Amino acid sequence: LVSRLLPDYEARVTASSFGAASFFILYWTDTPPTFLSTFHSCASSVTV
């Protein structure tokens, strides 16, 4: 689900790990403010 959502916000994946179930990404600060809240709702943690 998260991997399908990332392109909607033009996020660039710099690294990912299926084993650790994590993505390291770059995101644009001028994306809609719902960006982080969207991932907070479906992820266990979001660390900037």
All heavy atoms as atom14 arrays in JSON, in Angstrom:
{
  "sequence": "LVSRLLPDYEARVTASSFGAASFFILYWTDTPPTFLSTFHSCASSVTV",
  "atom14_mask": [
    [1, 1, 1, 1, 1, 1, 1, 1, 0, 0, 0, 0, 0, 0],
    [1, 1, 1, 1, 1, 1, 1, 0, 0, 0, 0, 0, 0, 0],
    [1, 1, 1, 1, 1, 1, 0, 0, 0, 0, 0, 0, 0, 0],
    [1, 1, 1, 1, 1, 1, 1, 1, 1, 1, 1, 0, 0, 0],
    [1, 1, 1, 1, 1, 1, 1, 1, 0, 0, 0, 0, 0, 0],
    [1, 1, 1, 1, 1, 1, 1, 1, 0, 0, 0, 0, 0, 0],
    [1, 1, 1, 1, 1, 1, 1, 0, 0, 0, 0, 0, 0, 0],
    [1, 1, 1, 1, 1, 1, 1, 1, 0, 0, 0, 0, 0, 0],
    [1, 1, 1, 1, 1, 1, 1, 1, 1, 1, 1, 1, 0, 0],
    [1, 1, 1, 1, 1, 1, 1, 1, 1, 0, 0, 0, 0, 0],
    [1, 1, 1, 1, 1, 0, 0, 0, 0, 0, 0, 0, 0, 0],
    [1, 1, 1, 1, 1, 1, 1, 1, 1, 1, 1, 0, 0, 0],
    [1, 1, 1, 1, 1, 1, 1, 0, 0, 0, 0, 0, 0, 0],
    [1, 1, 1, 1, 1, 1, 1, 0, 0, 0, 0, 0, 0, 0],
    [1, 1, 1, 1, 1, 0, 0, 0, 0, 0, 0, 0, 0, 0],
    [1, 1, 1, 1, 1, 1, 0, 0, 0, 0, 0, 0, 0, 0],
    [1, 1, 1, 1, 1, 1, 0, 0, 0, 0, 0, 0, 0, 0],
    [1, 1, 1, 1, 1, 1, 1, 1, 1, 1, 1, 0, 0, 0],
    [1, 1, 1, 1, 0, 0, 0, 0, 0, 0, 0, 0, 0, 0],
    [1, 1, 1, 1, 1, 0, 0, 0, 0, 0, 0, 0, 0, 0],
    [1, 1, 1, 1, 1, 0, 0, 0, 0, 0, 0, 0, 0, 0],
    [1, 1, 1, 1, 1, 1, 0, 0, 0, 0, 0, 0, 0, 0],
    [1, 1, 1, 1, 1, 1, 1, 1, 1, 1, 1, 0, 0, 0],
    [1, 1, 1, 1, 1, 1, 1, 1, 1, 1, 1, 0, 0, 0],
    [1, 1, 1, 1, 1, 1, 1, 1, 0, 0, 0, 0, 0, 0],
    [1, 1, 1, 1, 1, 1, 1, 1, 0, 0, 0, 0, 0, 0],
    [1, 1, 1, 1, 1, 1, 1, 1, 1, 1, 1, 1, 0, 0],
    [1, 1, 1, 1, 1, 1, 1, 1, 1, 1, 1, 1, 1, 1],
    [1, 1, 1, 1, 1, 1, 1, 0, 0, 0, 0, 0, 0, 0],
    [1, 1, 1, 1, 1, 1, 1, 1, 0, 0, 0, 0, 0, 0],
    [1, 1, 1, 1, 1, 1, 1, 0, 0, 0, 0, 0, 0, 0],
    [1, 1, 1, 1, 1, 1, 1, 0, 0, 0, 0, 0, 0, 0],
    [1, 1, 1, 1, 1, 1, 1, 0, 0, 0, 0, 0, 0, 0],
    [1, 1, 1, 1, 1, 1, 1, 0, 0, 0, 0, 0, 0, 0],
    [1, 1, 1, 1, 1, 1, 1, 1, 1, 1, 1, 0, 0, 0],
    [1, 1, 1, 1, 1, 1, 1, 1, 0, 0, 0, 0, 0, 0],
    [1, 1, 1, 1, 1, 1, 0, 0, 0, 0, 0, 0, 0, 0],
    [1, 1, 1, 1, 1, 1, 1, 0, 0, 0, 0, 0, 0, 0],
    [1, 1, 1, 1, 1, 1, 1, 1, 1, 1, 1, 0, 0, 0],
    [1, 1, 1, 1, 1, 1, 1, 1, 1, 1, 0, 0, 0, 0],
    [1, 1, 1, 1, 1, 1, 0, 0, 0, 0, 0, 0, 0, 0],
    [1, 1, 1, 1, 1, 1, 0, 0, 0, 0, 0, 0, 0, 0],
    [1, 1, 1, 1, 1, 0, 0, 0, 0, 0, 0, 0, 0, 0],
    [1, 1, 1, 1, 1, 1, 0, 0, 0, 0, 0, 0, 0, 0],
    [1, 1, 1, 1, 1, 1, 0, 0, 0, 0, 0, 0, 0, 0],
    [1, 1, 1, 1, 1, 1, 1, 0, 0, 0, 0, 0, 0, 0],
    [1, 1, 1, 1, 1, 1, 1, 0, 0, 0, 0, 0, 0, 0],
    [1, 1, 1, 1, 1, 1, 1, 0, 0, 0, 0, 0, 0, 0]
  ],
  "atom14_positions": [
    [[0.83, -1.21, 0.0], [0.0, 0.0, 0.0], [0.86, 1.25, 0.0], [0.63, 2.18, -0.79], [-0.92, -0.01, 1.22], [-1.71, 1.29, 1.49], [-2.65, 1.58, 0.34], [-2.46, 1.2, 2.81], [0.0, 0.0, 0.0], [0.0, 0.0, 0.0], [0.0, 0.0, 0.0], [0.0, 0.0, 0.0], [0.0, 0.0, 0.0], [0.0, 0.0, 0.0]],
    [[1.85, 1.28, 0.88], [2.73, 2.46, 0.95], [3.49, 2.64, -0.35], [3.64, 3.76, -0.85], [3.69, 2.33, 2.16], [4.74, 3.45, 2.12], [2.91, 2.39, 3.46], [0.0, 0.0, 0.0], [0.0, 0.0, 0.0], [0.0, 0.0, 0.0], [0.0, 0.0, 0.0], [0.0, 0.0, 0.0], [0.0, 0.0, 0.0], [0.0, 0.0, 0.0]],
    [[3.99, 1.55, -0.94], [4.75, 1.66, -2.18], [3.89, 2.21, -3.31], [4.38, 2.91, -4.2], [5.32, 0.3, -2.58], [4.29, -0.6, -2.92], [0.0, 0.0, 0.0], [0.0, 0.0, 0.0], [0.0, 0.0, 0.0], [0.0, 0.0, 0.0], [0.0, 0.0, 0.0], [0.0, 0.0, 0.0], [0.0, 0.0, 0.0], [0.0, 0.0, 0.0]],
    [[2.57, 1.92, -3.29], [1.68, 2.47, -4.31], [1.33, 3.93, -4.05], [1.03, 4.68, -4.98], [0.39, 1.63, -4.38], [0.6, 0.22, -4.95], [-0.74, -0.44, -5.25], [-1.55, -0.63, -4.05], [-1.48, -1.69, -3.25], [-0.62, -2.66, -3.53], [-2.27, -1.8, -2.19], [0.0, 0.0, 0.0], [0.0, 0.0, 0.0], [0.0, 0.0, 0.0]],
    [[1.38, 4.36, -2.81], [1.05, 5.74, -2.47], [2.18, 6.71, -2.78], [1.95, 7.88, -3.1], [0.69, 5.86, -0.98], [-0.68, 5.33, -0.55], [-0.79, 5.36, 0.97], [-1.79, 6.15, -1.18], [0.0, 0.0, 0.0], [0.0, 0.0, 0.0], [0.0, 0.0, 0.0], [0.0, 0.0, 0.0], [0.0, 0.0, 0.0], [0.0, 0.0, 0.0]],
    [[3.42, 6.27, -2.68], [4.57, 7.17, -2.83], [4.56, 7.95, -4.15], [4.8, 9.16, -4.15], [5.87, 6.38, -2.67], [6.19, 5.91, -1.25], [7.41, 4.99, -1.26], [6.42, 7.09, -0.32], [0.0, 0.0, 0.0], [0.0, 0.0, 0.0], [0.0, 0.0, 0.0], [0.0, 0.0, 0.0], [0.0, 0.0, 0.0], [0.0, 0.0, 0.0]],
    [[4.29, 7.31, -5.3], [4.29, 8.09, -6.56], [3.24, 9.2, -6.59], [3.41, 10.19, -7.3], [4.01, 7.03, -7.63], [4.42, 5.73, -7.01], [4.1, 5.88, -5.55], [0.0, 0.0, 0.0], [0.0, 0.0, 0.0], [0.0, 0.0, 0.0], [0.0, 0.0, 0.0], [0.0, 0.0, 0.0], [0.0, 0.0, 0.0], [0.0, 0.0, 0.0]],
    [[2.15, 9.04, -5.83], [1.12, 10.09, -5.81], [1.66, 11.41, -5.29], [1.12, 12.48, -5.58], [-0.07, 9.65, -4.95], [-0.83, 8.48, -5.56], [-0.65, 8.22, -6.76], [-1.6, 7.83, -4.82], [0.0, 0.0, 0.0], [0.0, 0.0, 0.0], [0.0, 0.0, 0.0], [0.0, 0.0, 0.0], [0.0, 0.0, 0.0], [0.0, 0.0, 0.0]],
    [[2.72, 11.35, -4.49], [3.31, 12.56, -3.89], [4.68, 12.87, -4.47], [5.43, 13.67, -3.91], [3.4, 12.39, -2.38], [2.04, 12.29, -1.71], [1.47, 11.05, -1.45], [1.33, 13.43, -1.36], [0.21, 10.95, -0.85], [0.08, 13.34, -0.76], [-0.47, 12.1, -0.51], [-1.7, 12.01, 0.08], [0.0, 0.0, 0.0], [0.0, 0.0, 0.0]],
    [[5.01, 12.24, -5.61], [6.31, 12.45, -6.27], [7.48, 12.16, -5.34], [8.55, 12.75, -5.49], [6.43, 13.87, -6.81], [5.39, 14.25, -7.84], [5.61, 15.66, -8.36], [5.13, 16.61, -7.7], [6.26, 15.81, -9.4], [0.0, 0.0, 0.0], [0.0, 0.0, 0.0], [0.0, 0.0, 0.0], [0.0, 0.0, 0.0], [0.0, 0.0, 0.0]],
    [[7.28, 11.29, -4.38], [8.37, 10.95, -3.46], [9.4, 10.08, -4.17], [9.04, 9.21, -4.96], [7.82, 10.22, -2.23], [0.0, 0.0, 0.0], [0.0, 0.0, 0.0], [0.0, 0.0, 0.0], [0.0, 0.0, 0.0], [0.0, 0.0, 0.0], [0.0, 0.0, 0.0], [0.0, 0.0, 0.0], [0.0, 0.0, 0.0], [0.0, 0.0, 0.0]],
    [[10.65, 10.33, -3.92], [11.73, 9.57, -4.53], [12.29, 8.58, -3.52], [12.78, 8.97, -2.45], [12.84, 10.51, -5.0], [14.0, 9.8, -5.67], [15.12, 10.78, -6.01], [14.67, 11.83, -6.92], [15.42, 12.86, -7.28], [16.64, 12.99, -6.78], [14.94, 13.76, -8.1], [0.0, 0.0, 0.0], [0.0, 0.0, 0.0], [0.0, 0.0, 0.0]],
    [[12.21, 7.3, -3.82], [12.72, 6.27, -2.92], [14.23, 6.17, -3.09], [14.73, 5.92, -4.19], [12.06, 4.9, -3.21], [12.66, 3.82, -2.31], [10.56, 4.99, -3.03], [0.0, 0.0, 0.0], [0.0, 0.0, 0.0], [0.0, 0.0, 0.0], [0.0, 0.0, 0.0], [0.0, 0.0, 0.0], [0.0, 0.0, 0.0], [0.0, 0.0, 0.0]],
    [[14.98, 6.39, -2.02], [16.44, 6.28, -2.07], [16.9, 4.9, -1.61], [17.99, 4.46, -1.97], [17.1, 7.36, -1.2], [16.61, 7.26, 0.15], [16.78, 8.74, -1.74], [0.0, 0.0, 0.0], [0.0, 0.0, 0.0], [0.0, 0.0, 0.0], [0.0, 0.0, 0.0], [0.0, 0.0, 0.0], [0.0, 0.0, 0.0], [0.0, 0.0, 0.0]],
    [[16.09, 4.21, -0.81], [16.41, 2.85, -0.37], [15.14, 2.24, 0.2], [14.24, 2.95, 0.67], [17.51, 2.84, 0.68], [0.0, 0.0, 0.0], [0.0, 0.0, 0.0], [0.0, 0.0, 0.0], [0.0, 0.0, 0.0], [0.0, 0.0, 0.0], [0.0, 0.0, 0.0], [0.0, 0.0, 0.0], [0.0, 0.0, 0.0], [0.0, 0.0, 0.0]],
    [[15.05, 0.93, 0.13], [13.9, 0.25, 0.7], [14.32, -1.13, 1.18], [15.32, -1.68, 0.72], [12.76, 0.13, -0.33], [13.17, -0.68, -1.42], [0.0, 0.0, 0.0], [0.0, 0.0, 0.0], [0.0, 0.0, 0.0], [0.0, 0.0, 0.0], [0.0, 0.0, 0.0], [0.0, 0.0, 0.0], [0.0, 0.0, 0.0], [0.0, 0.0, 0.0]],
    [[13.57, -1.66, 2.1], [13.86, -2.99, 2.65], [12.54, -3.7, 2.93], [11.79, -3.28, 3.82], [14.7, -2.88, 3.93], [14.8, -4.14, 4.56], [0.0, 0.0, 0.0], [0.0, 0.0, 0.0], [0.0, 0.0, 0.0], [0.0, 0.0, 0.0], [0.0, 0.0, 0.0], [0.0, 0.0, 0.0], [0.0, 0.0, 0.0], [0.0, 0.0, 0.0]],
    [[12.26, -4.75, 2.16], [11.05, -5.51, 2.42], [11.17, -6.27, 3.74], [10.21, -6.38, 4.5], [10.78, -6.49, 1.27], [9.53, -7.3, 1.47], [8.29, -6.74, 1.26], [9.61, -8.62, 1.88], [7.12, -7.47, 1.44], [8.45, -9.37, 2.08], [7.21, -8.79, 1.85], [0.0, 0.0, 0.0], [0.0, 0.0, 0.0], [0.0, 0.0, 0.0]],
    [[12.4, -6.75, 4.01], [12.62, -7.48, 5.25], [12.35, -6.64, 6.48], [11.76, -7.1, 7.46], [0.0, 0.0, 0.0], [0.0, 0.0, 0.0], [0.0, 0.0, 0.0], [0.0, 0.0, 0.0], [0.0, 0.0, 0.0], [0.0, 0.0, 0.0], [0.0, 0.0, 0.0], [0.0, 0.0, 0.0], [0.0, 0.0, 0.0], [0.0, 0.0, 0.0]],
    [[12.79, -5.35, 6.42], [12.57, -4.45, 7.55], [11.28, -3.65, 7.39], [10.94, -2.85, 8.26], [13.75, -3.49, 7.69], [0.0, 0.0, 0.0], [0.0, 0.0, 0.0], [0.0, 0.0, 0.0], [0.0, 0.0, 0.0], [0.0, 0.0, 0.0], [0.0, 0.0, 0.0], [0.0, 0.0, 0.0], [0.0, 0.0, 0.0], [0.0, 0.0, 0.0]],
    [[10.58, -3.89, 6.28], [9.33, -3.18, 5.97], [9.51, -1.68, 6.13], [8.84, -1.02, 6.92], [8.19, -3.68, 6.86], [0.0, 0.0, 0.0], [0.0, 0.0, 0.0], [0.0, 0.0, 0.0], [0.0, 0.0, 0.0], [0.0, 0.0, 0.0], [0.0, 0.0, 0.0], [0.0, 0.0, 0.0], [0.0, 0.0, 0.0], [0.0, 0.0, 0.0]],
    [[10.45, -1.11, 5.36], [10.73, 0.32, 5.49], [11.14, 0.91, 4.14], [11.66, 0.21, 3.27], [11.83, 0.57, 6.52], [13.04, -0.06, 6.12], [0.0, 0.0, 0.0], [0.0, 0.0, 0.0], [0.0, 0.0, 0.0], [0.0, 0.0, 0.0], [0.0, 0.0, 0.0], [0.0, 0.0, 0.0], [0.0, 0.0, 0.0], [0.0, 0.0, 0.0]],
    [[10.88, 2.2, 3.99], [11.32, 2.98, 2.85], [12.1, 4.18, 3.35], [11.69, 4.83, 4.32], [10.12, 3.51, 2.04], [9.39, 2.48, 1.24], [8.23, 1.91, 1.73], [9.86, 2.07, 0.0], [7.53, 0.97, 1.0], [9.17, 1.12, -0.74], [8.01, 0.56, -0.24], [0.0, 0.0, 0.0], [0.0, 0.0, 0.0], [0.0, 0.0, 0.0]],
    [[13.21, 4.48, 2.7], [13.89, 5.74, 2.93], [13.61, 6.6, 1.7], [13.88, 6.19, 0.57], [15.4, 5.54, 3.11], [15.76, 4.85, 4.38], [15.81, 3.46, 4.44], [16.03, 5.57, 5.53], [16.13, 2.81, 5.63], [16.35, 4.94, 6.72], [16.4, 3.55, 6.77], [0.0, 0.0, 0.0], [0.0, 0.0, 0.0], [0.0, 0.0, 0.0]],
    [[13.05, 7.77, 1.91], [12.59, 8.57, 0.78], [13.02, 10.02, 0.9], [13.36, 10.51, 1.98], [11.05, 8.53, 0.65], [10.39, 9.26, 1.83], [10.53, 7.09, 0.55], [8.91, 9.54, 1.64], [0.0, 0.0, 0.0], [0.0, 0.0, 0.0], [0.0, 0.0, 0.0], [0.0, 0.0, 0.0], [0.0, 0.0, 0.0], [0.0, 0.0, 0.0]],
    [[13.0, 10.7, -0.25], [13.08, 12.15, -0.32], [11.71, 12.64, -0.74], [11.1, 12.1, -1.65], [14.12, 12.6, -1.34], [15.58, 12.27, -1.08], [16.43, 12.73, -2.26], [16.06, 12.92, 0.2], [0.0, 0.0, 0.0], [0.0, 0.0, 0.0], [0.0, 0.0, 0.0], [0.0, 0.0, 0.0], [0.0, 0.0, 0.0], [0.0, 0.0, 0.0]],
    [[11.21, 13.66, -0.08], [9.93, 14.23, -0.48], [10.07, 15.73, -0.61], [10.88, 16.37, 0.06], [8.81, 13.85, 0.5], [8.92, 14.5, 1.86], [8.28, 15.71, 2.14], [9.65, 13.9, 2.89], [8.36, 16.31, 3.38], [9.75, 14.5, 4.14], [9.11, 15.69, 4.38], [9.21, 16.29, 5.6], [0.0, 0.0, 0.0], [0.0, 0.0, 0.0]],
    [[9.28, 16.3, -1.5], [9.32, 17.74, -1.75], [8.53, 18.48, -0.68], [7.42, 18.11, -0.34], [8.75, 18.07, -3.13], [9.28, 17.17, -4.21], [8.55, 16.33, -5.0], [10.64, 17.01, -4.61], [9.38, 15.67, -5.87], [10.66, 16.06, -5.65], [11.85, 17.57, -4.18], [11.84, 15.66, -6.28], [13.02, 17.17, -4.81], [13.01, 16.23, -5.84]],
    [[9.12, 19.53, -0.14], [8.46, 20.26, 0.95], [7.26, 21.07, 0.46], [6.48, 21.56, 1.27], [9.45, 21.2, 1.65], [10.02, 22.1, 0.69], [10.56, 20.39, 2.31], [0.0, 0.0, 0.0], [0.0, 0.0, 0.0], [0.0, 0.0, 0.0], [0.0, 0.0, 0.0], [0.0, 0.0, 0.0], [0.0, 0.0, 0.0], [0.0, 0.0, 0.0]],
    [[7.12, 21.22, -0.87], [5.94, 21.95, -1.37], [4.81, 21.0, -1.77], [3.86, 21.41, -2.43], [6.31, 22.85, -2.55], [6.96, 22.08, -3.7], [7.23, 20.88, -3.54], [7.2, 22.69, -4.76], [0.0, 0.0, 0.0], [0.0, 0.0, 0.0], [0.0, 0.0, 0.0], [0.0, 0.0, 0.0], [0.0, 0.0, 0.0], [0.0, 0.0, 0.0]],
    [[4.91, 19.72, -1.38], [3.81, 18.8, -1.61], [2.68, 19.14, -0.64], [2.89, 19.82, 0.36], [4.25, 17.34, -1.39], [4.86, 17.22, -0.1], [5.23, 16.89, -2.45], [0.0, 0.0, 0.0], [0.0, 0.0, 0.0], [0.0, 0.0, 0.0], [0.0, 0.0, 0.0], [0.0, 0.0, 0.0], [0.0, 0.0, 0.0], [0.0, 0.0, 0.0]],
    [[1.46, 18.65, -0.92], [0.34, 18.98, -0.03], [0.63, 18.59, 1.42], [1.31, 17.6, 1.68], [-0.81, 18.15, -0.61], [-0.44, 17.94, -2.03], [1.06, 17.84, -2.06], [0.0, 0.0, 0.0], [0.0, 0.0, 0.0], [0.0, 0.0, 0.0], [0.0, 0.0, 0.0], [0.0, 0.0, 0.0], [0.0, 0.0, 0.0], [0.0, 0.0, 0.0]],
    [[0.11, 19.35, 2.38], [0.38, 19.06, 3.79], [-0.18, 17.71, 4.25], [0.16, 17.25, 5.33], [-0.32, 20.22, 4.52], [-1.3, 20.77, 3.55], [-0.71, 20.55, 2.2], [0.0, 0.0, 0.0], [0.0, 0.0, 0.0], [0.0, 0.0, 0.0], [0.0, 0.0, 0.0], [0.0, 0.0, 0.0], [0.0, 0.0, 0.0], [0.0, 0.0, 0.0]],
    [[-1.03, 17.11, 3.42], [-1.57, 15.79, 3.79], [-0.55, 14.68, 3.61], [-0.79, 13.54, 4.0], [-2.79, 15.46, 2.91], [-2.41, 15.54, 1.53], [-3.93, 16.44, 3.18], [0.0, 0.0, 0.0], [0.0, 0.0, 0.0], [0.0, 0.0, 0.0], [0.0, 0.0, 0.0], [0.0, 0.0, 0.0], [0.0, 0.0, 0.0], [0.0, 0.0, 0.0]],
    [[0.61, 15.01, 3.02], [1.61, 13.98, 2.72], [1.99, 13.16, 3.94], [1.8, 11.94, 3.98], [2.86, 14.63, 2.11], [4.02, 13.69, 1.96], [4.01, 12.72, 0.97], [5.12, 13.76, 2.81], [5.07, 11.84, 0.83], [6.17, 12.88, 2.67], [6.15, 11.93, 1.67], [0.0, 0.0, 0.0], [0.0, 0.0, 0.0], [0.0, 0.0, 0.0]],
    [[2.52, 13.81, 4.96], [2.97, 13.07, 6.14], [1.81, 12.46, 6.9], [1.92, 11.33, 7.41], [3.79, 13.99, 7.05], [5.17, 14.38, 6.53], [5.86, 15.32, 7.51], [6.04, 13.15, 6.29], [0.0, 0.0, 0.0], [0.0, 0.0, 0.0], [0.0, 0.0, 0.0], [0.0, 0.0, 0.0], [0.0, 0.0, 0.0], [0.0, 0.0, 0.0]],
    [[0.68, 13.15, 6.97], [-0.46, 12.6, 7.71], [-0.98, 11.34, 7.04], [-1.43, 10.4, 7.71], [-1.57, 13.64, 7.83], [-2.04, 14.02, 6.55], [0.0, 0.0, 0.0], [0.0, 0.0, 0.0], [0.0, 0.0, 0.0], [0.0, 0.0, 0.0], [0.0, 0.0, 0.0], [0.0, 0.0, 0.0], [0.0, 0.0, 0.0], [0.0, 0.0, 0.0]],
    [[-0.9, 11.28, 5.7], [-1.34, 10.09, 4.98], [-0.52, 8.88, 5.4], [-1.05, 7.79, 5.67], [-1.21, 10.29, 3.46], [-2.07, 11.34, 3.05], [-1.55, 9.01, 2.7], [0.0, 0.0, 0.0], [0.0, 0.0, 0.0], [0.0, 0.0, 0.0], [0.0, 0.0, 0.0], [0.0, 0.0, 0.0], [0.0, 0.0, 0.0], [0.0, 0.0, 0.0]],
    [[0.8, 9.07, 5.49], [1.66, 7.93, 5.84], [1.63, 7.63, 7.33], [1.81, 6.49, 7.75], [3.08, 8.19, 5.34], [3.17, 8.14, 3.85], [3.23, 9.29, 3.1], [3.14, 6.93, 3.18], [3.27, 9.24, 1.72], [3.19, 6.86, 1.81], [3.25, 8.02, 1.07], [0.0, 0.0, 0.0], [0.0, 0.0, 0.0], [0.0, 0.0, 0.0]],
    [[1.37, 8.64, 8.15], [1.21, 8.37, 9.58], [0.0, 7.46, 9.82], [0.0, 6.66, 10.75], [1.02, 9.69, 10.34], [2.3, 10.32, 10.77], [3.19, 9.73, 11.65], [2.86, 11.52, 10.42], [4.22, 10.53, 11.83], [4.06, 11.61, 11.1], [0.0, 0.0, 0.0], [0.0, 0.0, 0.0], [0.0, 0.0, 0.0], [0.0, 0.0, 0.0]],
    [[-1.0, 7.58, 8.96], [-2.22, 6.79, 9.17], [-2.05, 5.33, 8.78], [-2.82, 4.48, 9.24], [-3.37, 7.41, 8.36], [-3.12, 7.3, 6.97], [0.0, 0.0, 0.0], [0.0, 0.0, 0.0], [0.0, 0.0, 0.0], [0.0, 0.0, 0.0], [0.0, 0.0, 0.0], [0.0, 0.0, 0.0], [0.0, 0.0, 0.0], [0.0, 0.0, 0.0]],
    [[-1.06, 5.01, 7.92], [-0.91, 3.63, 7.48], [0.45, 3.02, 7.83], [0.74, 1.89, 7.47], [-1.15, 3.52, 5.98], [0.01, 4.45, 4.97], [0.0, 0.0, 0.0], [0.0, 0.0, 0.0], [0.0, 0.0, 0.0], [0.0, 0.0, 0.0], [0.0, 0.0, 0.0], [0.0, 0.0, 0.0], [0.0, 0.0, 0.0], [0.0, 0.0, 0.0]],
    [[1.29, 3.77, 8.52], [2.62, 3.26, 8.89], [2.76, 3.21, 10.4], [2.03, 3.89, 11.14], [3.7, 4.16, 8.29], [0.0, 0.0, 0.0], [0.0, 0.0, 0.0], [0.0, 0.0, 0.0], [0.0, 0.0, 0.0], [0.0, 0.0, 0.0], [0.0, 0.0, 0.0], [0.0, 0.0, 0.0], [0.0, 0.0, 0.0], [0.0, 0.0, 0.0]],
    [[3.7, 2.42, 10.85], [3.93, 2.34, 12.29], [4.77, 3.5, 12.78], [4.7, 3.89, 13.94], [4.6, 1.0, 12.64], [5.79, 0.82, 11.87], [0.0, 0.0, 0.0], [0.0, 0.0, 0.0], [0.0, 0.0, 0.0], [0.0, 0.0, 0.0], [0.0, 0.0, 0.0], [0.0, 0.0, 0.0], [0.0, 0.0, 0.0], [0.0, 0.0, 0.0]],
    [[5.62, 4.06, 11.9], [6.41, 5.24, 12.28], [6.86, 5.98, 11.04], [7.12, 5.38, 10.01], [7.63, 4.85, 13.12], [8.59, 4.17, 12.34], [0.0, 0.0, 0.0], [0.0, 0.0, 0.0], [0.0, 0.0, 0.0], [0.0, 0.0, 0.0], [0.0, 0.0, 0.0], [0.0, 0.0, 0.0], [0.0, 0.0, 0.0], [0.0, 0.0, 0.0]],
    [[6.92, 7.31, 11.15], [7.46, 8.16, 10.09], [8.47, 9.09, 10.75], [8.11, 9.91, 11.59], [6.36, 8.99, 9.4], [6.98, 9.92, 8.35], [5.32, 8.08, 8.76], [0.0, 0.0, 0.0], [0.0, 0.0, 0.0], [0.0, 0.0, 0.0], [0.0, 0.0, 0.0], [0.0, 0.0, 0.0], [0.0, 0.0, 0.0], [0.0, 0.0, 0.0]],
    [[9.73, 8.93, 10.38], [10.8, 9.72, 11.0], [11.42, 10.64, 9.96], [11.93, 10.18, 8.94], [11.9, 8.8, 11.57], [11.31, 7.87, 12.48], [12.96, 9.62, 12.3], [0.0, 0.0, 0.0], [0.0, 0.0, 0.0], [0.0, 0.0, 0.0], [0.0, 0.0, 0.0], [0.0, 0.0, 0.0], [0.0, 0.0, 0.0], [0.0, 0.0, 0.0]],
    [[11.35, 11.95, 10.19], [11.97, 12.93, 9.3], [13.39, 13.18, 9.8], [13.59, 13.61, 10.93], [11.17, 14.25, 9.25], [11.87, 15.27, 8.36], [9.75, 13.98, 8.75], [0.0, 0.0, 0.0], [0.0, 0.0, 0.0], [0.0, 0.0, 0.0], [0.0, 0.0, 0.0], [0.0, 0.0, 0.0], [0.0, 0.0, 0.0], [0.0, 0.0, 0.0]]
  ]
}
